[in-house]
Amino acid sequence: MAYIELIKLHQLHDGLRQLVRLDGREYILIHEQGQTRLFSNACPHAGAPLTQGTIRDGAIRCARHGMTFDILTGRPLSQGCAKGLEFIPLSFNGNTLGVYLWQAEARVKN
């Protein structure tokens, strides 16, 4: 099982949004309120990239249709969107944060 480093711990800060590519798919690494999450970079409503969205009050808002999602759980906060954000669990390894290959294959859907 291979570890894939995404970021060094000293680089984490509230407001961080970083595009990450794993297994040919795009994800967005978000650090807010002292928590770090790795979500799919596609809004489940219409597939718009979430890297263009805005984060406010613990939620990410899709720039295309305004759908909002809780950044800690991935659950939808807007009516009209039943699916939550797909995410990959993160792991610490020394002074880095990343994913193990088996985690990247075992995506979690809300």
N, C-alpha and C. Protein backbone atom coordinates (compact mmCIF):
# COMPACT_ATOMS: atom_id res chain seq x y z
N MET A 1 0.86 -1.17 0.00
CA MET A 1 0.00 0.00 0.00
C MET A 1 0.90 1.23 0.00
N ALA A 2 0.77 2.05 -1.01
CA ALA A 2 1.64 3.22 -1.20
C ALA A 2 1.02 4.47 -0.59
N TYR A 3 1.86 5.23 0.09
CA TYR A 3 1.45 6.52 0.66
C TYR A 3 1.73 7.61 -0.37
N ILE A 4 0.74 8.47 -0.59
CA ILE A 4 0.89 9.59 -1.52
C ILE A 4 0.83 10.88 -0.71
N GLU A 5 1.95 11.57 -0.63
CA GLU A 5 2.00 12.83 0.13
C GLU A 5 1.28 13.92 -0.65
N LEU A 6 0.43 14.67 0.08
CA LEU A 6 -0.30 15.78 -0.54
C LEU A 6 0.24 17.13 -0.11
N ILE A 7 0.63 17.23 1.18
CA ILE A 7 1.06 18.53 1.70
C ILE A 7 1.85 18.32 2.99
N LYS A 8 2.77 19.21 3.25
CA LYS A 8 3.50 19.21 4.52
C LYS A 8 2.61 19.88 5.57
N LEU A 9 2.67 19.41 6.80
CA LEU A 9 1.81 19.93 7.86
C LEU A 9 2.00 21.43 8.09
N HIS A 10 3.24 21.92 7.96
CA HIS A 10 3.47 23.35 8.21
C HIS A 10 2.86 24.24 7.13
N GLN A 11 2.40 23.64 6.02
CA GLN A 11 1.78 24.41 4.94
C GLN A 11 0.27 24.57 5.12
N LEU A 12 -0.31 23.85 6.09
CA LEU A 12 -1.75 23.94 6.32
C LEU A 12 -2.10 25.27 6.98
N HIS A 13 -3.16 25.89 6.50
CA HIS A 13 -3.67 27.12 7.10
C HIS A 13 -5.13 27.28 6.70
N ASP A 14 -5.92 27.90 7.57
CA ASP A 14 -7.32 28.14 7.23
C ASP A 14 -7.39 28.95 5.95
N GLY A 15 -8.27 28.54 5.07
CA GLY A 15 -8.40 29.19 3.78
C GLY A 15 -7.70 28.44 2.66
N LEU A 16 -6.93 27.39 3.01
CA LEU A 16 -6.22 26.62 1.98
C LEU A 16 -7.21 25.89 1.08
N ARG A 17 -7.00 26.03 -0.22
CA ARG A 17 -7.70 25.25 -1.23
C ARG A 17 -6.67 24.87 -2.27
N GLN A 18 -6.50 23.57 -2.48
CA GLN A 18 -5.46 23.10 -3.39
C GLN A 18 -6.02 21.97 -4.25
N LEU A 19 -5.82 22.08 -5.53
CA LEU A 19 -6.25 21.04 -6.46
C LEU A 19 -5.28 19.86 -6.38
N VAL A 20 -5.83 18.65 -6.30
CA VAL A 20 -5.03 17.42 -6.20
C VAL A 20 -5.55 16.44 -7.24
N ARG A 21 -4.65 15.77 -7.94
CA ARG A 21 -5.04 14.73 -8.90
C ARG A 21 -4.60 13.37 -8.37
N LEU A 22 -5.56 12.44 -8.28
CA LEU A 22 -5.31 11.08 -7.82
C LEU A 22 -6.07 10.12 -8.72
N ASP A 23 -5.43 9.08 -9.14
CA ASP A 23 -6.08 8.05 -9.98
C ASP A 23 -6.80 8.67 -11.17
N GLY A 24 -6.25 9.73 -11.75
CA GLY A 24 -6.86 10.36 -12.90
C GLY A 24 -8.07 11.22 -12.60
N ARG A 25 -8.35 11.44 -11.32
CA ARG A 25 -9.50 12.27 -10.92
C ARG A 25 -9.01 13.49 -10.16
N GLU A 26 -9.81 14.56 -10.18
CA GLU A 26 -9.45 15.79 -9.47
C GLU A 26 -10.18 15.87 -8.14
N TYR A 27 -9.42 16.31 -7.13
CA TYR A 27 -9.96 16.53 -5.79
C TYR A 27 -9.53 17.91 -5.33
N ILE A 28 -10.22 18.42 -4.33
CA ILE A 28 -9.84 19.69 -3.74
C ILE A 28 -9.52 19.46 -2.27
N LEU A 29 -8.32 19.85 -1.88
CA LEU A 29 -7.86 19.76 -0.50
C LEU A 29 -8.25 21.08 0.17
N ILE A 30 -9.03 21.00 1.22
CA ILE A 30 -9.53 22.19 1.92
C ILE A 30 -9.11 22.12 3.39
N HIS A 31 -8.61 23.24 3.90
CA HIS A 31 -8.32 23.34 5.32
C HIS A 31 -9.08 24.55 5.86
N GLU A 32 -10.05 24.30 6.71
CA GLU A 32 -10.87 25.34 7.33
C GLU A 32 -11.18 24.95 8.76
N GLN A 33 -11.26 25.93 9.63
CA GLN A 33 -11.62 25.71 11.03
C GLN A 33 -10.73 24.65 11.67
N GLY A 34 -9.46 24.61 11.26
CA GLY A 34 -8.51 23.65 11.81
C GLY A 34 -8.69 22.22 11.32
N GLN A 35 -9.58 22.00 10.36
CA GLN A 35 -9.86 20.67 9.83
C GLN A 35 -9.46 20.61 8.36
N THR A 36 -8.96 19.47 7.94
CA THR A 36 -8.56 19.28 6.54
C THR A 36 -9.39 18.17 5.93
N ARG A 37 -9.89 18.41 4.72
CA ARG A 37 -10.70 17.43 4.00
C ARG A 37 -10.24 17.37 2.55
N LEU A 38 -10.43 16.22 1.94
CA LEU A 38 -10.12 16.02 0.53
C LEU A 38 -11.40 15.56 -0.16
N PHE A 39 -12.04 16.48 -0.89
CA PHE A 39 -13.29 16.21 -1.57
C PHE A 39 -13.09 16.11 -3.07
N SER A 40 -14.01 15.43 -3.74
CA SER A 40 -14.03 15.42 -5.19
C SER A 40 -14.19 16.87 -5.66
N ASN A 41 -13.51 17.22 -6.73
CA ASN A 41 -13.58 18.59 -7.26
C ASN A 41 -14.77 18.77 -8.19
N ALA A 42 -15.76 17.91 -8.11
CA ALA A 42 -16.95 18.01 -8.96
C ALA A 42 -18.19 18.12 -8.08
N CYS A 43 -18.95 19.16 -8.29
CA CYS A 43 -20.22 19.30 -7.58
C CYS A 43 -21.13 18.14 -7.99
N PRO A 44 -21.72 17.42 -7.03
CA PRO A 44 -22.56 16.28 -7.40
C PRO A 44 -23.86 16.70 -8.10
N HIS A 45 -24.20 17.97 -8.04
CA HIS A 45 -25.41 18.45 -8.69
C HIS A 45 -25.25 18.52 -10.21
N ALA A 46 -24.15 19.17 -10.67
CA ALA A 46 -23.99 19.34 -12.12
C ALA A 46 -22.55 19.20 -12.58
N GLY A 47 -21.66 18.74 -11.69
CA GLY A 47 -20.29 18.48 -12.08
C GLY A 47 -19.36 19.67 -12.17
N ALA A 48 -19.80 20.84 -11.75
CA ALA A 48 -18.96 22.04 -11.82
C ALA A 48 -17.77 21.89 -10.87
N PRO A 49 -16.60 22.45 -11.23
CA PRO A 49 -15.43 22.35 -10.36
C PRO A 49 -15.62 23.19 -9.09
N LEU A 50 -15.39 22.56 -7.96
CA LEU A 50 -15.56 23.25 -6.68
C LEU A 50 -14.40 24.19 -6.38
N THR A 51 -13.29 24.07 -7.11
CA THR A 51 -12.18 25.00 -6.92
C THR A 51 -12.60 26.42 -7.26
N GLN A 52 -13.66 26.58 -8.03
CA GLN A 52 -14.17 27.91 -8.37
C GLN A 52 -15.22 28.39 -7.37
N GLY A 53 -15.57 27.55 -6.41
CA GLY A 53 -16.59 27.89 -5.42
C GLY A 53 -16.04 28.78 -4.31
N THR A 54 -16.92 29.20 -3.44
CA THR A 54 -16.54 30.02 -2.31
C THR A 54 -16.81 29.26 -1.01
N ILE A 55 -16.00 29.54 0.00
CA ILE A 55 -16.17 28.91 1.31
C ILE A 55 -16.55 30.01 2.31
N ARG A 56 -17.63 29.74 3.02
CA ARG A 56 -18.09 30.71 4.02
C ARG A 56 -18.93 29.99 5.06
N ASP A 57 -18.73 30.32 6.31
CA ASP A 57 -19.52 29.76 7.41
C ASP A 57 -19.56 28.23 7.40
N GLY A 58 -18.42 27.61 7.11
CA GLY A 58 -18.33 26.15 7.16
C GLY A 58 -18.94 25.43 5.98
N ALA A 59 -19.22 26.16 4.91
CA ALA A 59 -19.83 25.54 3.73
C ALA A 59 -19.11 25.99 2.47
N ILE A 60 -19.08 25.09 1.48
CA ILE A 60 -18.56 25.45 0.16
C ILE A 60 -19.76 25.61 -0.77
N ARG A 61 -19.72 26.69 -1.53
CA ARG A 61 -20.82 27.02 -2.45
C ARG A 61 -20.33 26.87 -3.87
N CYS A 62 -21.03 26.04 -4.65
CA CYS A 62 -20.69 25.82 -6.04
C CYS A 62 -20.95 27.11 -6.82
N ALA A 63 -19.98 27.49 -7.64
CA ALA A 63 -20.09 28.73 -8.41
C ALA A 63 -21.14 28.64 -9.52
N ARG A 64 -21.43 27.45 -10.01
CA ARG A 64 -22.34 27.32 -11.15
C ARG A 64 -23.82 27.49 -10.78
N HIS A 65 -24.29 26.75 -9.78
CA HIS A 65 -25.72 26.81 -9.45
C HIS A 65 -26.00 27.18 -7.99
N GLY A 66 -24.96 27.48 -7.22
CA GLY A 66 -25.16 27.93 -5.85
C GLY A 66 -25.45 26.85 -4.83
N MET A 67 -25.28 25.60 -5.19
CA MET A 67 -25.49 24.52 -4.23
C MET A 67 -24.42 24.61 -3.14
N THR A 68 -24.81 24.37 -1.90
CA THR A 68 -23.85 24.45 -0.80
C THR A 68 -23.73 23.09 -0.10
N PHE A 69 -22.51 22.86 0.43
CA PHE A 69 -22.20 21.61 1.10
C PHE A 69 -21.38 21.90 2.35
N ASP A 70 -21.66 21.16 3.40
CA ASP A 70 -20.90 21.26 4.64
C ASP A 70 -19.47 20.77 4.37
N ILE A 71 -18.46 21.58 4.69
CA ILE A 71 -17.09 21.17 4.37
C ILE A 71 -16.53 20.15 5.36
N LEU A 72 -17.17 19.96 6.50
CA LEU A 72 -16.69 18.95 7.43
C LEU A 72 -17.28 17.57 7.16
N THR A 73 -18.52 17.52 6.68
CA THR A 73 -19.19 16.24 6.45
C THR A 73 -19.42 15.93 4.98
N GLY A 74 -19.44 16.95 4.13
CA GLY A 74 -19.73 16.77 2.71
C GLY A 74 -21.21 16.73 2.40
N ARG A 75 -22.05 16.79 3.42
CA ARG A 75 -23.50 16.69 3.20
C ARG A 75 -24.04 17.96 2.53
N PRO A 76 -25.06 17.77 1.65
CA PRO A 76 -25.64 18.93 0.99
C PRO A 76 -26.44 19.78 1.97
N LEU A 77 -26.35 21.09 1.81
CA LEU A 77 -27.11 22.02 2.64
C LEU A 77 -28.21 22.70 1.83
N SER A 78 -28.19 22.50 0.52
CA SER A 78 -29.17 23.12 -0.38
C SER A 78 -30.25 22.12 -0.75
N GLN A 79 -31.47 22.63 -0.90
CA GLN A 79 -32.52 21.79 -1.45
C GLN A 79 -32.26 21.62 -2.93
N GLY A 80 -32.64 20.51 -3.47
CA GLY A 80 -32.43 20.25 -4.89
C GLY A 80 -31.19 19.43 -5.18
N CYS A 81 -30.43 19.10 -4.15
CA CYS A 81 -29.24 18.27 -4.33
C CYS A 81 -29.26 17.20 -3.24
N ALA A 82 -29.52 15.96 -3.64
CA ALA A 82 -29.61 14.87 -2.68
C ALA A 82 -28.27 14.23 -2.38
N LYS A 83 -27.30 14.37 -3.29
CA LYS A 83 -25.99 13.74 -3.10
C LYS A 83 -25.05 14.67 -2.35
N GLY A 84 -24.21 14.05 -1.53
CA GLY A 84 -23.16 14.80 -0.85
C GLY A 84 -21.86 14.72 -1.62
N LEU A 85 -20.85 15.37 -1.11
CA LEU A 85 -19.54 15.37 -1.74
C LEU A 85 -18.82 14.06 -1.48
N GLU A 86 -18.16 13.55 -2.49
CA GLU A 86 -17.35 12.35 -2.37
C GLU A 86 -16.00 12.76 -1.79
N PHE A 87 -15.51 12.04 -0.79
CA PHE A 87 -14.22 12.39 -0.22
C PHE A 87 -13.36 11.17 0.04
N ILE A 88 -12.07 11.43 0.23
CA ILE A 88 -11.09 10.40 0.54
C ILE A 88 -10.54 10.68 1.93
N PRO A 89 -10.49 9.69 2.80
CA PRO A 89 -9.90 9.88 4.13
C PRO A 89 -8.41 10.23 4.02
N LEU A 90 -7.98 11.13 4.87
CA LEU A 90 -6.58 11.56 4.90
C LEU A 90 -5.83 10.84 6.01
N SER A 91 -4.51 10.72 5.84
CA SER A 91 -3.65 10.07 6.84
C SER A 91 -2.41 10.93 7.08
N PHE A 92 -1.93 10.88 8.31
CA PHE A 92 -0.68 11.54 8.66
C PHE A 92 0.46 10.55 8.49
N ASN A 93 1.59 11.04 8.01
CA ASN A 93 2.79 10.23 7.90
C ASN A 93 3.96 11.16 8.17
N GLY A 94 4.53 11.07 9.36
CA GLY A 94 5.60 12.00 9.74
C GLY A 94 5.07 13.42 9.77
N ASN A 95 5.71 14.30 9.02
CA ASN A 95 5.29 15.71 9.00
C ASN A 95 4.47 16.03 7.75
N THR A 96 3.81 15.00 7.20
CA THR A 96 3.01 15.21 6.00
C THR A 96 1.58 14.70 6.18
N LEU A 97 0.73 15.17 5.30
CA LEU A 97 -0.65 14.71 5.23
C LEU A 97 -0.84 14.17 3.82
N GLY A 98 -1.48 13.01 3.71
CA GLY A 98 -1.66 12.40 2.40
C GLY A 98 -2.70 11.31 2.44
N VAL A 99 -2.63 10.43 1.46
CA VAL A 99 -3.56 9.30 1.39
C VAL A 99 -2.75 8.04 1.09
N TYR A 100 -3.28 6.92 1.53
CA TYR A 100 -2.73 5.64 1.12
C TYR A 100 -3.49 5.19 -0.11
N LEU A 101 -2.83 4.54 -1.01
CA LEU A 101 -3.43 4.15 -2.27
C LEU A 101 -4.76 3.43 -2.06
N TRP A 102 -4.86 2.55 -1.08
CA TRP A 102 -6.11 1.83 -0.84
C TRP A 102 -7.21 2.79 -0.43
N GLN A 103 -6.88 3.91 0.25
CA GLN A 103 -7.89 4.89 0.63
C GLN A 103 -8.40 5.63 -0.60
N ALA A 104 -7.50 5.91 -1.54
CA ALA A 104 -7.91 6.60 -2.75
C ALA A 104 -8.89 5.75 -3.55
N GLU A 105 -8.75 4.44 -3.46
CA GLU A 105 -9.65 3.55 -4.17
C GLU A 105 -10.97 3.37 -3.42
N ALA A 106 -10.96 3.60 -2.12
CA ALA A 106 -12.16 3.43 -1.30
C ALA A 106 -12.76 4.80 -0.99
N ARG A 107 -13.32 5.42 -1.98
CA ARG A 107 -13.91 6.75 -1.83
C ARG A 107 -15.17 6.66 -0.98
N VAL A 108 -15.41 7.68 -0.18
CA VAL A 108 -16.57 7.73 0.69
C VAL A 108 -17.58 8.69 0.08
N LYS A 109 -18.82 8.23 -0.02
CA LYS A 109 -19.88 9.09 -0.56
C LYS A 109 -20.89 9.38 0.53
N ASN A 110 -21.35 10.61 0.58
CA ASN A 110 -22.37 11.02 1.55
C ASN A 110 -23.73 11.04 0.90
